[in-house]
Amino acid sequence: MPNPTGYYRPRTIDEAVQLLSQPYIKTALLSGGALRLATDDLPYEALIDVQAIEGLSSIARTPDGTLEIGAAASLEAVVRSPDVPAMLRETLRRCVTWNRRNAISIAELVEYPETLPEAIAALLALDVTLVFAMPEERRLRLGDLQGNVSQPRLPEKGLIVRFEFPATNPWQTWGQAHVARTPADTAIVSAAVVLVVDNSGTVAQARIALSGVWDIPARLAEGAAAALTGRLLDAAAIARATAALNDEIAPVADYRGSVAYRRAMAGIVTRRALEACQARLAG
């Protein structure tokens, strides 16, 4: 297919949705562009640049504490915002260089999850919800999409308007860990953990997400999370969680690591992430 021949720069969400809905014309959204324009496959005829839409790059908290990040916000803006959860800021700072953070939007990150799976794992652990305009508003939790990442690119489901992060719980703690060939490389295996504990130190809620141990970029480890819930976060609970994890992961070998290596590293990084949660609770 030839290169795109049409370029649109709408000023409103409604205008963008109308352009996306054009019959017989394959369109693609442009918000950032570093990942979209780097692909060799161009299954579209027109680009719709949403970066001029007012509010689509904003980062703000609502009165109830929900954090809203506009879909066109650059990863650099996400890293610089003190309102963004520290786990996501640290992950992006580590696995994405400054120049790429300026050229990739958060929506583009989710559209191409195989590019930065470690960041997708962090978003999953943080229980992010995607809000679409289709043209009616539709809300989808990222965790509900991850089992079907092979389906058509997310913008074909409608325009992603914003990302919503739940209000911070005062009893919430987090931890992350990864293994990579060098400090600057994409993680071979990573773990991101968000826990909510009660006043006795018992885990009330657990979200554990890993990258590099399934045939999709990242996924929630629901069995490991269930093994923690209702227990004190101690060495026995961590051992129970890593044992449950071993039963639910299904690594795929590649040039960076065998199945056995990825399986072993999954337990190690998950344990390290949970120990980081312990340390934060103790602090």
Protein backbone atom coordinates (compact mmCIF):
# COMPACT_ATOMS: atom_id res chain seq x y z
CA MET A 1 0.00 0.00 0.00
CA PRO A 2 1.38 3.48 -0.80
CA ASN A 3 2.25 6.04 1.83
CA PRO A 4 -0.66 8.06 3.33
CA THR A 5 -1.88 10.81 1.03
CA GLY A 6 -4.25 12.62 3.42
CA TYR A 7 -3.48 14.65 6.56
CA TYR A 8 -6.06 16.15 8.93
CA ARG A 9 -5.56 18.23 12.06
CA PRO A 10 -8.93 18.47 13.85
CA ARG A 11 -9.53 20.99 16.63
CA THR A 12 -12.23 19.08 18.53
CA ILE A 13 -12.92 15.50 19.58
CA ASP A 14 -16.17 15.46 17.60
CA GLU A 15 -14.34 16.47 14.45
CA ALA A 16 -11.73 13.76 15.01
CA VAL A 17 -14.41 11.10 15.51
CA GLN A 18 -16.15 12.19 12.30
CA LEU A 19 -12.88 11.88 10.39
CA LEU A 20 -12.28 8.43 11.86
CA SER A 21 -15.73 7.38 10.74
CA GLN A 22 -15.20 8.21 7.05
CA PRO A 23 -16.40 5.27 4.98
CA TYR A 24 -14.01 3.53 2.61
CA ILE A 25 -10.98 5.45 3.90
CA LYS A 26 -8.52 3.77 6.23
CA THR A 27 -7.35 6.34 8.75
CA ALA A 28 -4.84 6.33 11.59
CA LEU A 29 -4.35 8.61 14.55
CA LEU A 30 -1.18 10.57 15.09
CA SER A 31 -0.37 11.65 18.63
CA GLY A 32 3.36 11.70 19.11
CA GLY A 33 4.29 9.71 16.04
CA ALA A 34 7.58 8.01 16.92
CA LEU A 35 5.99 4.57 17.04
CA ARG A 36 3.29 5.10 14.42
CA LEU A 37 5.66 6.44 11.78
CA ALA A 38 8.42 3.96 12.57
CA THR A 39 6.36 0.97 11.44
CA ASP A 40 6.99 -0.49 8.00
CA ASP A 41 3.34 -1.45 7.68
CA LEU A 42 1.09 1.42 6.61
CA PRO A 43 -2.46 0.02 6.54
CA TYR A 44 -4.07 3.45 6.23
CA GLU A 45 -4.62 6.19 3.68
CA ALA A 46 -4.95 9.27 5.88
CA LEU A 47 -3.40 10.52 9.11
CA ILE A 48 -5.49 12.33 11.72
CA ASP A 49 -3.22 14.44 13.92
CA VAL A 50 -5.01 14.91 17.28
CA GLN A 51 -2.28 16.95 18.94
CA ALA A 52 -4.12 20.24 18.35
CA ILE A 53 -7.27 19.16 20.24
CA GLU A 54 -7.59 21.25 23.38
CA GLY A 55 -7.36 19.25 26.58
CA LEU A 56 -6.11 16.07 24.94
CA SER A 57 -2.64 16.63 26.38
CA SER A 58 -3.67 17.70 29.88
CA ILE A 59 -2.73 15.97 33.14
CA ALA A 60 -4.94 16.78 36.13
CA ARG A 61 -6.79 15.35 39.11
CA THR A 62 -10.55 15.47 39.42
CA PRO A 63 -12.25 16.52 42.69
CA ASP A 64 -12.62 12.85 43.72
CA GLY A 65 -8.87 12.26 43.31
CA THR A 66 -8.94 10.42 39.98
CA LEU A 67 -5.92 11.25 37.84
CA GLU A 68 -6.77 11.97 34.20
CA ILE A 69 -4.05 11.98 31.55
CA GLY A 70 -5.01 13.15 28.07
CA ALA A 71 -4.30 10.58 25.38
CA ALA A 72 -1.98 12.93 23.47
CA ALA A 73 0.19 13.73 26.50
CA SER A 74 3.81 12.91 25.75
CA LEU A 75 5.64 10.40 27.90
CA GLU A 76 8.01 13.21 28.89
CA ALA A 77 5.05 15.22 30.22
CA VAL A 78 3.94 12.14 32.15
CA VAL A 79 7.40 11.73 33.66
CA ARG A 80 7.54 15.40 34.68
CA SER A 81 4.12 15.53 36.34
CA PRO A 82 4.22 15.12 40.15
CA ASP A 83 0.61 13.89 40.04
CA VAL A 84 1.55 10.77 38.09
CA PRO A 85 2.25 7.66 40.23
CA ALA A 86 5.93 7.31 40.98
CA MET A 87 6.06 3.74 39.68
CA LEU A 88 5.02 4.83 36.19
CA ARG A 89 7.36 7.83 36.18
CA GLU A 90 10.33 5.70 37.24
CA THR A 91 9.53 3.00 34.69
CA LEU A 92 9.30 5.46 31.80
CA ARG A 93 12.43 7.30 32.90
CA ARG A 94 14.36 4.04 32.94
CA CYS A 95 13.14 2.32 29.78
CA VAL A 96 12.54 5.27 27.41
CA THR A 97 15.17 7.83 26.47
CA TRP A 98 14.43 11.55 26.79
CA ASN A 99 14.15 12.16 23.04
CA ARG A 100 11.76 9.23 22.57
CA ARG A 101 9.65 10.30 25.56
CA ASN A 102 9.10 13.62 23.80
CA ALA A 103 8.02 11.87 20.59
CA ILE A 104 5.69 9.18 22.00
CA SER A 105 2.27 9.84 23.50
CA ILE A 106 0.73 7.69 26.21
CA ALA A 107 -1.99 6.56 23.77
CA GLU A 108 0.65 5.51 21.27
CA LEU A 109 2.39 3.54 24.01
CA VAL A 110 -0.76 1.47 24.55
CA GLU A 111 -1.43 1.13 20.84
CA TYR A 112 2.00 -0.50 20.38
CA PRO A 113 2.33 -2.52 23.63
CA GLU A 114 5.07 -4.76 22.25
CA THR A 115 7.44 -1.77 22.06
CA LEU A 116 7.58 -0.98 25.79
CA PRO A 117 6.09 -3.97 27.63
CA GLU A 118 7.62 -2.92 30.96
CA ALA A 119 5.56 0.30 30.87
CA ILE A 120 2.42 -1.66 29.96
CA ALA A 121 2.98 -3.84 33.03
CA ALA A 122 3.15 -0.71 35.20
CA LEU A 123 -0.12 0.60 33.71
CA LEU A 124 -1.79 -2.74 34.36
CA ALA A 125 -0.68 -2.80 37.98
CA LEU A 126 -2.03 0.73 38.41
CA ASP A 127 -5.46 -0.41 37.14
CA VAL A 128 -5.71 2.16 34.35
CA THR A 129 -8.99 2.72 32.49
CA LEU A 130 -9.04 3.92 28.87
CA VAL A 131 -11.82 6.29 27.84
CA PHE A 132 -12.80 6.19 24.15
CA ALA A 133 -15.00 8.43 22.01
CA MET A 134 -16.68 6.09 19.55
CA PRO A 135 -18.56 8.57 19.08
CA GLU A 136 -20.35 7.77 22.32
CA GLU A 137 -18.03 7.56 25.31
CA ARG A 138 -16.85 4.07 26.19
CA ARG A 139 -14.65 2.97 29.08
CA LEU A 140 -12.39 -0.07 29.01
CA ARG A 141 -9.94 -1.18 31.67
CA LEU A 142 -6.55 -1.87 30.18
CA GLY A 143 -6.53 -5.27 31.89
CA ASP A 144 -9.62 -6.27 29.92
CA LEU A 145 -7.84 -5.50 26.64
CA GLN A 146 -4.57 -7.26 27.29
CA GLY A 147 -5.87 -10.73 26.52
CA ASN A 148 -6.70 -9.57 22.99
CA VAL A 149 -3.77 -7.38 22.00
CA SER A 150 -3.60 -9.11 18.63
CA GLN A 151 -6.90 -7.52 17.62
CA PRO A 152 -6.82 -4.41 15.40
CA ARG A 153 -4.93 -1.39 16.67
CA LEU A 154 -6.75 0.39 19.47
CA PRO A 155 -7.66 3.57 17.55
CA GLU A 156 -9.82 1.43 15.25
CA LYS A 157 -12.09 1.02 18.28
CA GLY A 158 -12.47 4.79 18.46
CA LEU A 159 -10.48 7.80 19.60
CA ILE A 160 -8.75 7.33 22.96
CA VAL A 161 -9.57 10.51 24.87
CA ARG A 162 -7.87 9.98 28.21
CA PHE A 163 -6.43 7.56 30.73
CA GLU A 164 -7.92 7.40 34.23
CA PHE A 165 -5.95 6.30 37.27
CA PRO A 166 -7.85 5.51 40.51
CA ALA A 167 -7.46 7.95 43.39
CA THR A 168 -4.44 7.13 45.54
CA ASN A 169 -5.25 5.03 48.58
CA PRO A 170 -3.34 6.06 51.73
CA TRP A 171 -2.83 2.35 52.48
CA GLN A 172 -1.37 1.68 49.02
CA THR A 173 2.19 0.62 48.37
CA TRP A 174 4.08 -0.43 45.26
CA GLY A 175 7.21 -2.11 44.02
CA GLN A 176 8.84 -2.97 40.73
CA ALA A 177 11.84 -4.95 39.52
CA HIS A 178 13.30 -6.08 36.21
CA VAL A 179 16.19 -7.86 34.55
CA ALA A 180 17.84 -6.60 31.36
CA ARG A 181 21.06 -7.15 29.44
CA THR A 182 22.29 -3.63 30.30
CA PRO A 183 20.82 -0.80 32.41
CA ALA A 184 19.68 0.97 29.22
CA ASP A 185 18.01 -2.06 27.60
CA THR A 186 14.35 -2.98 27.53
CA ALA A 187 13.57 -5.41 30.34
CA ILE A 188 13.70 -9.10 29.49
CA VAL A 189 11.34 -9.79 32.39
CA SER A 190 9.74 -7.18 34.64
CA ALA A 191 7.27 -7.13 37.53
CA ALA A 192 5.08 -4.26 38.74
CA VAL A 193 3.12 -4.62 41.97
CA VAL A 194 0.51 -2.41 43.62
CA LEU A 195 -0.89 -3.50 47.00
CA VAL A 196 -3.48 -2.06 49.34
CA VAL A 197 -3.17 -3.16 52.98
CA ASP A 198 -5.48 -2.67 55.94
CA ASN A 199 -4.47 -1.25 59.32
CA SER A 200 -3.28 -4.68 60.48
CA GLY A 201 -0.89 -5.03 57.55
CA THR A 202 -3.04 -7.62 55.76
CA VAL A 203 -3.14 -7.37 51.97
CA ALA A 204 -6.65 -6.27 51.02
CA GLN A 205 -6.02 -5.87 47.28
CA ALA A 206 -3.16 -6.96 45.04
CA ARG A 207 -2.34 -6.29 41.41
CA ILE A 208 0.75 -7.99 40.00
CA ALA A 209 1.67 -7.50 36.35
CA LEU A 210 4.61 -8.99 34.48
CA SER A 211 6.16 -8.59 31.07
CA GLY A 212 8.29 -11.12 29.22
CA VAL A 213 6.63 -14.30 30.49
CA TRP A 214 3.66 -14.73 28.13
CA ASP A 215 3.11 -14.59 24.40
CA ILE A 216 1.65 -11.08 24.82
CA PRO A 217 3.67 -8.04 25.98
CA ALA A 218 2.33 -7.92 29.56
CA ARG A 219 -0.44 -9.39 31.66
CA LEU A 220 -1.83 -9.45 35.18
CA ALA A 221 -0.78 -12.44 37.28
CA GLU A 222 -4.13 -13.10 38.90
CA GLY A 223 -3.13 -16.33 40.62
CA ALA A 224 -0.15 -14.73 42.33
CA ALA A 225 -2.31 -11.78 43.43
CA ALA A 226 -4.95 -14.12 44.86
CA ALA A 227 -2.27 -15.97 46.82
CA LEU A 228 -1.37 -12.71 48.59
CA THR A 229 -4.82 -11.35 49.29
CA GLY A 230 -5.98 -11.78 52.87
CA ARG A 231 -2.47 -12.47 54.20
CA LEU A 232 0.20 -10.49 55.96
CA LEU A 233 2.96 -9.46 53.56
CA ASP A 234 5.73 -11.61 54.99
CA ALA A 235 8.27 -14.05 53.57
CA ALA A 236 5.77 -16.93 53.61
CA ALA A 237 3.18 -14.93 51.66
CA ILE A 238 5.78 -13.85 49.11
CA ALA A 239 6.89 -17.47 48.65
CA ARG A 240 3.27 -18.51 48.20
CA ALA A 241 2.74 -15.79 45.57
CA THR A 242 5.84 -16.72 43.56
CA ALA A 243 4.84 -20.40 43.63
CA ALA A 244 1.40 -19.51 42.29
CA LEU A 245 3.04 -17.34 39.65
CA ASN A 246 5.11 -20.24 38.39
CA ASP A 247 1.93 -22.16 37.67
CA GLU A 248 0.29 -19.44 35.56
CA ILE A 249 3.08 -17.99 33.42
CA ALA A 250 3.88 -19.42 30.00
CA PRO A 251 7.18 -17.93 28.76
CA VAL A 252 8.20 -17.99 25.12
CA ALA A 253 11.90 -18.28 24.31
CA ASP A 254 13.75 -15.84 22.08
CA TYR A 255 17.32 -14.69 21.57
CA ARG A 256 17.28 -12.80 24.89
CA GLY A 257 16.23 -15.67 27.11
CA SER A 258 15.12 -19.28 27.21
CA VAL A 259 11.87 -20.49 28.73
CA ALA A 260 13.73 -21.72 31.81
CA TYR A 261 15.55 -18.41 32.23
CA ARG A 262 12.37 -16.34 31.90
CA ARG A 263 10.54 -18.60 34.32
CA ALA A 264 13.31 -18.27 36.90
CA MET A 265 13.54 -14.50 36.45
CA ALA A 266 9.76 -14.11 36.85
CA GLY A 267 9.98 -15.46 40.38
CA ILE A 268 13.02 -13.34 41.21
CA VAL A 269 11.67 -10.00 39.97
CA THR A 270 8.26 -10.62 41.56
CA ARG A 271 9.91 -11.38 44.89
CA ARG A 272 12.04 -8.24 44.62
CA ALA A 273 9.00 -6.11 43.78
CA LEU A 274 7.08 -7.50 46.76
CA GLU A 275 10.06 -6.93 49.02
CA ALA A 276 10.11 -3.31 47.83
CA CYS A 277 6.46 -3.10 48.92
CA GLN A 278 7.49 -4.48 52.33
CA ALA A 279 10.22 -1.87 52.65
CA ARG A 280 7.84 0.98 51.82
CA LEU A 281 5.32 -0.26 54.36
CA ALA A 282 8.02 -0.49 57.00
CA GLY A 283 9.12 3.04 56.16
